[in-house]
PDB file of N, CA and C in Angstrom:
ATOM      1  N   MET A   1      -6.180   7.633  11.335  1.00  0.00           N
ATOM      2  CA  MET A   1      -7.093   8.100  12.412  1.00  0.00           C
ATOM      3  C   MET A   1      -8.830   7.668  12.230  1.00  0.00           C
ATOM      4  N   PRO A   2      -9.264   6.803  13.095  1.00  0.00           N
ATOM      5  CA  PRO A   2     -10.926   6.347  12.612  1.00  0.00           C
ATOM      6  C   PRO A   2     -11.555   7.605  12.424  1.00  0.00           C
ATOM      7  N   ILE A   3     -12.721   7.559  11.566  1.00  0.00           N
ATOM      8  CA  ILE A   3     -13.822   8.666  11.776  1.00  0.00           C
ATOM      9  C   ILE A   3     -14.777   8.055  12.657  1.00  0.00           C
ATOM     10  N   THR A   4     -15.035   8.834  13.757  1.00  0.00           N
ATOM     11  CA  THR A   4     -16.355   8.757  14.418  1.00  0.00           C
ATOM     12  C   THR A   4     -18.055   9.298  13.880  1.00  0.00           C
ATOM     13  N   LYS A   5     -18.988   8.776  14.786  1.00  0.00           N
ATOM     14  CA  LYS A   5     -20.069   9.110  14.241  1.00  0.00           C
ATOM     15  C   LYS A   5     -20.054  11.102  13.954  1.00  0.00           C
ATOM     16  N   SER A   6     -19.780  11.489  15.079  1.00  0.00           N
ATOM     17  CA  SER A   6     -20.130  13.188  14.792  1.00  0.00           C
ATOM     18  C   SER A   6     -19.411  13.453  13.519  1.00  0.00           C
ATOM     19  N   GLU A   7     -17.827  13.476  13.313  1.00  0.00           N
ATOM     20  CA  GLU A   7     -17.415  13.435  12.035  1.00  0.00           C
ATOM     21  C   GLU A   7     -18.047  13.122  10.922  1.00  0.00           C
ATOM     22  N   LEU A   8     -18.752  11.848  11.067  1.00  0.00           N
ATOM     23  CA  LEU A   8     -19.311  11.348   9.928  1.00  0.00           C
ATOM     24  C   LEU A   8     -20.347  12.072   9.670  1.00  0.00           C
ATOM     25  N   VAL A   9     -21.281  12.539  10.570  1.00  0.00           N
ATOM     26  CA  VAL A   9     -22.615  13.143  10.636  1.00  0.00           C
ATOM     27  C   VAL A   9     -21.948  14.551  10.097  1.00  0.00           C
ATOM     28  N   LYS A  10     -20.683  15.220  10.473  1.00  0.00           N
ATOM     29  CA  LYS A  10     -20.673  16.414  10.041  1.00  0.00           C
ATOM     30  C   LYS A  10     -20.552  16.486   8.312  1.00  0.00           C
ATOM     31  N   GLN A  11     -19.614  15.484   8.136  1.00  0.00           N
ATOM     32  CA  GLN A  11     -19.241  15.254   6.558  1.00  0.00           C
ATOM     33  C   GLN A  11     -20.430  15.430   5.749  1.00  0.00           C
ATOM     34  N   LEU A  12     -21.518  14.583   6.357  1.00  0.00           N
ATOM     35  CA  LEU A  12     -22.593  14.492   5.392  1.00  0.00           C
ATOM     36  C   LEU A  12     -23.768  16.082   5.285  1.00  0.00           C
ATOM     37  N   SER A  13     -23.687  16.480   6.478  1.00  0.00           N
ATOM     38  CA  SER A  13     -24.022  18.068   6.470  1.00  0.00           C
ATOM     39  C   SER A  13     -23.735  18.633   5.592  1.00  0.00           C
ATOM     40  N   LYS A  14     -22.416  19.120   5.883  1.00  0.00           N
ATOM     41  CA  LYS A  14     -21.450  19.527   4.520  1.00  0.00           C
ATOM     42  C   LYS A  14     -22.121  19.630   3.106  1.00  0.00           C
ATOM     43  N   THR A  15     -21.800  18.015   2.936  1.00  0.00           N
ATOM     44  CA  THR A  15     -22.252  17.339   1.575  1.00  0.00           C
ATOM     45  C   THR A  15     -23.835  17.920   1.364  1.00  0.00           C
ATOM     46  N   TYR A  16     -24.795  17.738   2.496  1.00  0.00           N
ATOM     47  CA  TYR A  16     -26.188  17.681   2.165  1.00  0.00           C
ATOM     48  C   TYR A  16     -26.632  18.791   3.192  1.00  0.00           C
ATOM     49  N   PRO A  17     -26.342  20.194   2.379  1.00  0.00           N
ATOM     50  CA  PRO A  17     -26.630  21.472   3.766  1.00  0.00           C
ATOM     51  C   PRO A  17     -28.430  21.121   3.779  1.00  0.00           C
ATOM     52  N   ASN A  18     -29.093  20.694   2.968  1.00  0.00           N
ATOM     53  CA  ASN A  18     -30.764  20.863   3.646  1.00  0.00           C
ATOM     54  C   ASN A  18     -31.061  19.922   4.236  1.00  0.00           C
ATOM     55  N   LEU A  19     -30.419  18.959   4.831  1.00  0.00           N
ATOM     56  CA  LEU A  19     -30.411  18.053   5.786  1.00  0.00           C
ATOM     57  C   LEU A  19     -30.392  18.604   7.020  1.00  0.00           C
ATOM     58  N   LEU A  20     -31.124  18.342   8.300  1.00  0.00           N
ATOM     59  CA  LEU A  20     -30.560  18.997   9.572  1.00  0.00           C
ATOM     60  C   LEU A  20     -29.539  17.724   9.913  1.00  0.00           C
ATOM     61  N   LYS A  21     -28.493  18.359  11.339  1.00  0.00           N
ATOM     62  CA  LYS A  21     -27.686  17.393  11.742  1.00  0.00           C
ATOM     63  C   LYS A  21     -28.664  16.351  12.674  1.00  0.00           C
ATOM     64  N   LYS A  22     -29.432  16.547  13.167  1.00  0.00           N
ATOM     65  CA  LYS A  22     -30.236  15.774  13.753  1.00  0.00           C
ATOM     66  C   LYS A  22     -30.866  14.851  13.202  1.00  0.00           C
ATOM     67  N   ASP A  23     -31.592  14.899  11.895  1.00  0.00           N
ATOM     68  CA  ASP A  23     -31.944  13.833  10.743  1.00  0.00           C
ATOM     69  C   ASP A  23     -30.983  13.136  10.541  1.00  0.00           C
ATOM     70  N   LEU A  24     -30.061  13.279  10.361  1.00  0.00           N
ATOM     71  CA  LEU A  24     -28.657  12.700   9.939  1.00  0.00           C
ATOM     72  C   LEU A  24     -28.241  11.940  11.014  1.00  0.00           C
ATOM     73  N   GLU A  25     -28.513  12.211  12.014  1.00  0.00           N
ATOM     74  CA  GLU A  25     -27.975  11.318  13.098  1.00  0.00           C
ATOM     75  C   GLU A  25     -28.734  10.473  13.509  1.00  0.00           C
ATOM     76  N   LYS A  26     -30.073  10.192  13.361  1.00  0.00           N
ATOM     77  CA  LYS A  26     -31.628   9.702  13.561  1.00  0.00           C
ATOM     78  C   LYS A  26     -31.282   8.320  12.482  1.00  0.00           C
ATOM     79  N   PHE A  27     -30.789   8.874  11.432  1.00  0.00           N
ATOM     80  CA  PHE A  27     -30.805   8.007  10.256  1.00  0.00           C
ATOM     81  C   PHE A  27     -29.570   7.099  10.620  1.00  0.00           C
ATOM     82  N   PHE A  28     -28.530   7.372  10.864  1.00  0.00           N
ATOM     83  CA  PHE A  28     -27.453   6.651  10.911  1.00  0.00           C
ATOM     84  C   PHE A  28     -27.668   5.776  12.055  1.00  0.00           C
ATOM     85  N   ASP A  29     -28.518   6.167  13.563  1.00  0.00           N
ATOM     86  CA  ASP A  29     -28.665   5.467  14.669  1.00  0.00           C
ATOM     87  C   ASP A  29     -29.814   3.833  13.728  1.00  0.00           C
ATOM     88  N   ILE A  30     -30.744   4.716  13.283  1.00  0.00           N
ATOM     89  CA  ILE A  30     -31.837   3.775  12.304  1.00  0.00           C
ATOM     90  C   ILE A  30     -31.109   2.880  11.643  1.00  0.00           C
ATOM     91  N   PHE A  31     -30.183   3.359  10.938  1.00  0.00           N
ATOM     92  CA  PHE A  31     -29.241   2.216  10.247  1.00  0.00           C
ATOM     93  C   PHE A  31     -28.318   1.331  10.778  1.00  0.00           C
ATOM     94  N   ILE A  32     -27.367   1.700  12.146  1.00  0.00           N
ATOM     95  CA  ILE A  32     -27.042   0.714  12.558  1.00  0.00           C
ATOM     96  C   ILE A  32     -27.605  -0.509  13.092  1.00  0.00           C
ATOM     97  N   ASN A  33     -28.689   0.287  13.793  1.00  0.00           N
ATOM     98  CA  ASN A  33     -29.503  -1.328  14.379  1.00  0.00           C
ATOM     99  C   ASN A  33     -30.463  -1.536  13.725  1.00  0.00           C
ATOM    100  N   GLU A  34     -30.560  -1.620  12.504  1.00  0.00           N
ATOM    101  CA  GLU A  34     -31.021  -2.065  11.294  1.00  0.00           C
ATOM    102  C   GLU A  34     -30.120  -3.447  10.892  1.00  0.00           C
ATOM    103  N   VAL A  35     -29.018  -2.683  10.732  1.00  0.00           N
ATOM    104  CA  VAL A  35     -27.763  -3.820  10.708  1.00  0.00           C
ATOM    105  C   VAL A  35     -27.756  -4.961  11.569  1.00  0.00           C
ATOM    106  N   LYS A  36     -27.616  -4.517  12.950  1.00  0.00           N
ATOM    107  CA  LYS A  36     -27.738  -5.344  14.134  1.00  0.00           C
ATOM    108  C   LYS A  36     -28.663  -6.239  14.006  1.00  0.00           C
ATOM    109  N   LEU A  37     -29.798  -5.732  13.814  1.00  0.00           N
ATOM    110  CA  LEU A  37     -31.055  -6.439  13.912  1.00  0.00           C
ATOM    111  C   LEU A  37     -30.883  -7.967  12.938  1.00  0.00           C
ATOM    112  N   ALA A  38     -30.464  -7.260  12.184  1.00  0.00           N
ATOM    113  CA  ALA A  38     -30.009  -7.912  10.848  1.00  0.00           C
ATOM    114  C   ALA A  38     -29.654  -9.411  11.173  1.00  0.00           C
ATOM    115  N   LEU A  39     -27.968  -9.104  11.681  1.00  0.00           N
ATOM    116  CA  LEU A  39     -27.210  -9.872  11.870  1.00  0.00           C
ATOM    117  C   LEU A  39     -27.877 -10.602  13.241  1.00  0.00           C
ATOM    118  N   LYS A  40     -28.076 -10.239  14.198  1.00  0.00           N
ATOM    119  CA  LYS A  40     -28.834 -10.763  14.944  1.00  0.00           C
ATOM    120  C   LYS A  40     -29.971 -12.229  14.877  1.00  0.00           C
ATOM    121  N   ASN A  41     -30.367 -12.066  13.873  1.00  0.00           N
ATOM    122  CA  ASN A  41     -31.649 -12.573  13.054  1.00  0.00           C
ATOM    123  C   ASN A  41     -31.018 -13.658  12.108  1.00  0.00           C
ATOM    124  N   ASP A  42     -29.705 -14.038  12.013  1.00  0.00           N
ATOM    125  CA  ASP A  42     -28.667 -14.457  11.109  1.00  0.00           C
ATOM    126  C   ASP A  42     -28.968 -13.995   9.494  1.00  0.00           C
ATOM    127  N   GLU A  43     -29.175 -12.862   9.645  1.00  0.00           N
ATOM    128  CA  GLU A  43     -29.778 -12.735   7.926  1.00  0.00           C
ATOM    129  C   GLU A  43     -28.264 -12.091   7.447  1.00  0.00           C
ATOM    130  N   ARG A  44     -28.360 -12.122   6.011  1.00  0.00           N
ATOM    131  CA  ARG A  44     -26.862 -11.521   5.858  1.00  0.00           C
ATOM    132  C   ARG A  44     -27.149  -9.798   5.227  1.00  0.00           C
ATOM    133  N   VAL A  45     -26.055  -9.218   5.621  1.00  0.00           N
ATOM    134  CA  VAL A  45     -26.438  -7.644   5.345  1.00  0.00           C
ATOM    135  C   VAL A  45     -25.304  -7.151   4.238  1.00  0.00           C
ATOM    136  N   GLU A  46     -26.150  -7.127   2.778  1.00  0.00           N
ATOM    137  CA  GLU A  46     -25.360  -6.278   1.634  1.00  0.00           C
ATOM    138  C   GLU A  46     -25.718  -5.231   1.342  1.00  0.00           C
ATOM    139  N   LEU A  47     -24.394  -3.963   1.109  1.00  0.00           N
ATOM    140  CA  LEU A  47     -24.634  -3.090   0.611  1.00  0.00           C
ATOM    141  C   LEU A  47     -23.299  -2.843  -0.655  1.00  0.00           C
ATOM    142  N   ARG A  48     -24.640  -2.938  -1.831  1.00  0.00           N
ATOM    143  CA  ARG A  48     -23.846  -3.066  -3.254  1.00  0.00           C
ATOM    144  C   ARG A  48     -22.850  -1.932  -3.513  1.00  0.00           C
ATOM    145  N   GLY A  49     -21.458  -2.984  -3.746  1.00  0.00           N
ATOM    146  CA  GLY A  49     -20.520  -1.985  -4.023  1.00  0.00           C
ATOM    147  C   GLY A  49     -19.712  -1.268  -2.682  1.00  0.00           C
ATOM    148  N   ALA A  50     -19.809  -1.895  -1.730  1.00  0.00           N
ATOM    149  CA  ALA A  50     -19.594  -1.491  -0.191  1.00  0.00           C
ATOM    150  C   ALA A  50     -18.957  -2.880   0.331  1.00  0.00           C
ATOM    151  N   PHE A  51     -19.698  -3.776   1.194  1.00  0.00           N
ATOM    152  CA  PHE A  51     -19.452  -4.882   1.758  1.00  0.00           C
ATOM    153  C   PHE A  51     -20.485  -5.625   1.883  1.00  0.00           C
ATOM    154  N   THR A  52     -20.531  -7.020   2.566  1.00  0.00           N
ATOM    155  CA  THR A  52     -21.461  -7.882   2.870  1.00  0.00           C
ATOM    156  C   THR A  52     -20.905  -8.269   4.106  1.00  0.00           C
ATOM    157  N   MET A  53     -21.903  -8.322   5.110  1.00  0.00           N
ATOM    158  CA  MET A  53     -22.067  -8.733   6.616  1.00  0.00           C
ATOM    159  C   MET A  53     -22.744 -10.479   6.965  1.00  0.00           C
ATOM    160  N   GLN A  54     -22.120 -10.907   7.712  1.00  0.00           N
ATOM    161  CA  GLN A  54     -22.941 -12.337   7.482  1.00  0.00           C
ATOM    162  C   GLN A  54     -22.413 -12.994   9.248  1.00  0.00           C
ATOM    163  N   THR A  55     -23.523 -13.493   9.859  1.00  0.00           N
ATOM    164  CA  THR A  55     -23.212 -14.251  10.953  1.00  0.00           C
ATOM    165  C   THR A  55     -22.246 -15.413  11.037  1.00  0.00           C
ATOM    166  N   LYS A  56     -21.872 -15.625  11.335  1.00  0.00           N
ATOM    167  CA  LYS A  56     -21.219 -17.447  11.956  1.00  0.00           C
ATOM    168  C   LYS A  56     -20.977 -17.901  12.967  1.00  0.00           C
ATOM    169  N   VAL A  57     -21.580 -18.798  13.146  1.00  0.00           N
ATOM    170  CA  VAL A  57     -21.311 -19.620  14.464  1.00  0.00           C
ATOM    171  C   VAL A  57     -20.141 -20.307  14.571  1.00  0.00           C
ATOM    172  N   GLN A  58     -19.749 -20.088  16.079  1.00  0.00           N
ATOM    173  CA  GLN A  58     -17.759 -20.301  16.644  1.00  0.00           C
ATOM    174  C   GLN A  58     -18.419 -21.327  17.721  1.00  0.00           C
ATOM    175  N   LYS A  59     -18.375 -23.113  17.597  1.00  0.00           N
ATOM    176  CA  LYS A  59     -18.887 -23.786  18.356  1.00  0.00           C
ATOM    177  C   LYS A  59     -18.057 -23.558  19.073  1.00  0.00           C
ATOM    178  N   SER A  60     -18.396 -24.424  20.572  1.00  0.00           N
ATOM    179  CA  SER A  60     -17.939 -24.142  21.783  1.00  0.00           C
ATOM    180  C   SER A  60     -16.500 -25.158  21.814  1.00  0.00           C
ATOM    181  N   ARG A  61     -15.494 -24.730  22.313  1.00  0.00           N
ATOM    182  CA  ARG A  61     -14.259 -25.247  22.379  1.00  0.00           C
ATOM    183  C   ARG A  61     -13.294 -25.327  24.031  1.00  0.00           C
ATOM    184  N   THR A  62     -12.731 -26.082  24.380  1.00  0.00           N
ATOM    185  CA  THR A  62     -11.598 -26.400  25.100  1.00  0.00           C
ATOM    186  C   THR A  62     -10.291 -25.293  24.804  1.00  0.00           C
ATOM    187  N   SER A  63     -10.491 -24.268  25.652  1.00  0.00           N
ATOM    188  CA  SER A  63      -9.324 -23.528  25.291  1.00  0.00           C
ATOM    189  C   SER A  63      -8.618 -23.284  27.160  1.00  0.00           C
ATOM    190  N   ARG A  64      -7.587 -22.526  26.861  1.00  0.00           N
ATOM    191  CA  ARG A  64      -6.325 -22.422  27.866  1.00  0.00           C
ATOM    192  C   ARG A  64      -6.382 -21.098  28.270  1.00  0.00           C
ATOM    193  N   ASN A  65      -6.138 -20.973  29.635  1.00  0.00           N
ATOM    194  CA  ASN A  65      -5.787 -19.638  30.441  1.00  0.00           C
ATOM    195  C   ASN A  65      -4.450 -19.700  30.342  1.00  0.00           C
ATOM    196  N   PRO A  66      -3.895 -18.735  29.399  1.00  0.00           N
ATOM    197  CA  PRO A  66      -2.612 -18.650  29.619  1.00  0.00           C
ATOM    198  C   PRO A  66      -1.617 -18.075  30.943  1.00  0.00           C
ATOM    199  N   LYS A  67      -2.503 -17.876  31.426  1.00  0.00           N
ATOM    200  CA  LYS A  67      -1.767 -17.209  32.594  1.00  0.00           C
ATOM    201  C   LYS A  67      -1.411 -18.335  33.958  1.00  0.00           C
ATOM    202  N   THR A  68      -2.808 -19.355  33.577  1.00  0.00           N
ATOM    203  CA  THR A  68      -2.647 -20.669  34.463  1.00  0.00           C
ATOM    204  C   THR A  68      -2.784 -21.591  34.432  1.00  0.00           C
ATOM    205  N   SER A  69      -2.549 -21.872  33.001  1.00  0.00           N
ATOM    206  CA  SER A  69      -2.543 -22.943  32.151  1.00  0.00           C
ATOM    207  C   SER A  69      -3.842 -23.747  32.294  1.00  0.00           C
ATOM    208  N   GLU A  70      -5.048 -23.169  32.761  1.00  0.00           N
ATOM    209  CA  GLU A  70      -6.105 -24.010  33.534  1.00  0.00           C
ATOM    210  C   GLU A  70      -7.000 -24.493  31.905  1.00  0.00           C
ATOM    211  N   LYS A  71      -7.678 -25.948  31.774  1.00  0.00           N
ATOM    212  CA  LYS A  71      -8.472 -25.673  30.989  1.00  0.00           C
ATOM    213  C   LYS A  71     -10.000 -24.993  30.841  1.00  0.00           C
ATOM    214  N   VAL A  72     -10.305 -24.247  30.023  1.00  0.00           N
ATOM    215  CA  VAL A  72     -11.691 -23.380  30.350  1.00  0.00           C
ATOM    216  C   VAL A  72     -12.438 -23.833  29.016  1.00  0.00           C
ATOM    217  N   ILE A  73     -13.789 -24.071  29.373  1.00  0.00           N
ATOM    218  CA  ILE A  73     -14.461 -24.467  27.808  1.00  0.00           C
ATOM    219  C   ILE A  73     -15.542 -22.605  27.887  1.00  0.00           C
ATOM    220  N   THR A  74     -15.111 -22.495  26.452  1.00  0.00           N
ATOM    221  CA  THR A  74     -15.310 -21.213  25.828  1.00  0.00           C
ATOM    222  C   THR A  74     -16.931 -22.224  25.168  1.00  0.00           C
ATOM    223  N   ASP A  75     -17.854 -20.954  25.453  1.00  0.00           N
ATOM    224  CA  ASP A  75     -19.261 -21.584  25.024  1.00  0.00           C
ATOM    225  C   ASP A  75     -18.946 -21.083  23.660  1.00  0.00           C
ATOM    226  N   GLU A  76     -20.440 -21.642  22.945  1.00  0.00           N
ATOM    227  CA  GLU A  76     -20.814 -20.934  21.518  1.00  0.00           C
ATOM    228  C   GLU A  76     -21.246 -19.615  21.459  1.00  0.00           C
ATOM    229  N   LYS A  77     -20.516 -19.235  20.177  1.00  0.00           N
ATOM    230  CA  LYS A  77     -20.655 -17.881  20.143  1.00  0.00           C
ATOM    231  C   LYS A  77     -20.570 -17.501  18.541  1.00  0.00           C
ATOM    232  N   LYS A  78     -21.704 -16.275  18.260  1.00  0.00           N
ATOM    233  CA  LYS A  78     -21.592 -15.918  16.763  1.00  0.00           C
ATOM    234  C   LYS A  78     -20.608 -14.858  16.643  1.00  0.00           C
ATOM    235  N   LYS A  79     -19.942 -15.243  15.176  1.00  0.00           N
ATOM    236  CA  LYS A  79     -18.890 -14.249  14.524  1.00  0.00           C
ATOM    237  C   LYS A  79     -19.723 -13.612  13.722  1.00  0.00           C
ATOM    238  N   ILE A  80     -19.134 -12.448  13.539  1.00  0.00           N
ATOM    239  CA  ILE A  80     -19.555 -11.202  11.777  1.00  0.00           C
ATOM    240  C   ILE A  80     -18.364 -11.706  11.138  1.00  0.00           C
ATOM    241  N   LEU A  81     -18.825 -11.918   9.951  1.00  0.00           N
ATOM    242  CA  LEU A  81     -17.440 -12.252   8.844  1.00  0.00           C
ATOM    243  C   LEU A  81     -17.786 -11.095   7.927  1.00  0.00           C
ATOM    244  N   PHE A  82     -17.249  -9.800   7.615  1.00  0.00           N
ATOM    245  CA  PHE A  82     -17.000  -9.214   6.818  1.00  0.00           C
ATOM    246  C   PHE A  82     -16.303  -9.317   5.610  1.00  0.00           C
ATOM    247  N   LYS A  83     -16.586  -8.741   4.457  1.00  0.00           N
ATOM    248  CA  LYS A  83     -16.077  -8.408   3.331  1.00  0.00           C
ATOM    249  C   LYS A  83     -16.405  -8.068   2.745  1.00  0.00           C
ATOM    250  N   MET A  84     -15.444  -6.483   2.039  1.00  0.00           N
ATOM    251  CA  MET A  84     -15.394  -5.849   1.220  1.00  0.00           C
ATOM    252  C   MET A  84     -15.803  -6.225  -0.469  1.00  0.00           C
ATOM    253  N   SER A  85     -16.666  -5.441  -0.826  1.00  0.00           N
ATOM    254  CA  SER A  85     -16.534  -5.188  -2.350  1.00  0.00           C
ATOM    255  C   SER A  85     -15.523  -5.251  -3.282  1.00  0.00           C
ATOM    256  N   GLN A  86     -15.258  -5.972  -4.538  1.00  0.00           N
ATOM    257  CA  GLN A  86     -14.569  -5.590  -5.477  1.00  0.00           C
ATOM    258  C   GLN A  86     -14.250  -4.218  -5.393  1.00  0.00           C
ATOM    259  N   GLU A  87     -15.007  -3.424  -5.831  1.00  0.00           N
ATOM    260  CA  GLU A  87     -15.209  -2.186  -6.430  1.00  0.00           C
ATOM    261  C   GLU A  87     -14.307  -1.094  -5.308  1.00  0.00           C
ATOM    262  N   MET A  88     -14.731  -1.669  -3.861  1.00  0.00           N
ATOM    263  CA  MET A  88     -14.423  -1.334  -2.815  1.00  0.00           C
ATOM    264  C   MET A  88     -12.662  -0.938  -2.727  1.00  0.00           C
ATOM    265  N   PHE A  89     -12.424  -2.420  -2.849  1.00  0.00           N
ATOM    266  CA  PHE A  89     -10.688  -2.944  -2.579  1.00  0.00           C
ATOM    267  C   PHE A  89      -9.663  -2.216  -3.884  1.00  0.00           C
ATOM    268  N   ASN A  90     -10.397  -2.033  -4.816  1.00  0.00           N
ATOM    269  CA  ASN A  90      -9.822  -1.341  -6.212  1.00  0.00           C
ATOM    270  C   ASN A  90      -9.647   0.011  -6.239  1.00  0.00           C
ATOM    271  N   GLU A  91     -10.721   0.783  -5.710  1.00  0.00           N
ATOM    272  CA  GLU A  91     -10.378   1.766  -4.495  1.00  0.00           C
ATOM    273  C   GLU A  91     -10.031   2.473  -3.801  1.00  0.00           C
ATOM    274  N   ILE A  92      -9.789   1.713  -2.577  1.00  0.00           N
ATOM    275  CA  ILE A  92      -8.741   1.683  -1.617  1.00  0.00           C
ATOM    276  C   ILE A  92      -7.460   1.064  -2.047  1.00  0.00           C
ATOM    277  N   ASN A  93      -6.811   0.601  -3.075  1.00  0.00           N
ATOM    278  CA  ASN A  93      -6.021  -0.136  -3.840  1.00  0.00           C
ATOM    279  C   ASN A  93      -5.293   0.905  -4.976  1.00  0.00           C
ATOM    280  N   ASP A  94      -6.159   1.991  -5.074  1.00  0.00           N
ATOM    281  CA  ASP A  94      -5.987   2.578  -6.423  1.00  0.00           C
ATOM    282  C   ASP A  94      -5.501   2.001  -7.542  1.00  0.00           C
ATOM    283  N   LEU A  95      -6.535   0.711  -7.564  1.00  0.00           N
ATOM    284  CA  LEU A  95      -6.591  -0.131  -8.919  1.00  0.00           C
ATOM    285  C   LEU A  95      -7.292   0.447  -9.854  1.00  0.00           C
TER     286      LEU A  95
END
């Protein structure tokens, strides 16, 4: 089951009862917006002990519409490369 933003804020408010929920929500929004901005500017995002993210440009290419077999030009776009840290990998896999 995926964790939602509201569930994450609820868990954080239980862990840190001296912080208000609205402050935690604001912090979470700021954090996500800063990550988006960094990736948009082709910067690498790294949270030590958790993960790294960076963008990579996927070149334009000729694709095929599977329904009509028509050739379609797919424009160039950015992809996000996500790599979890070795510590997180070990923790998830109980190593």
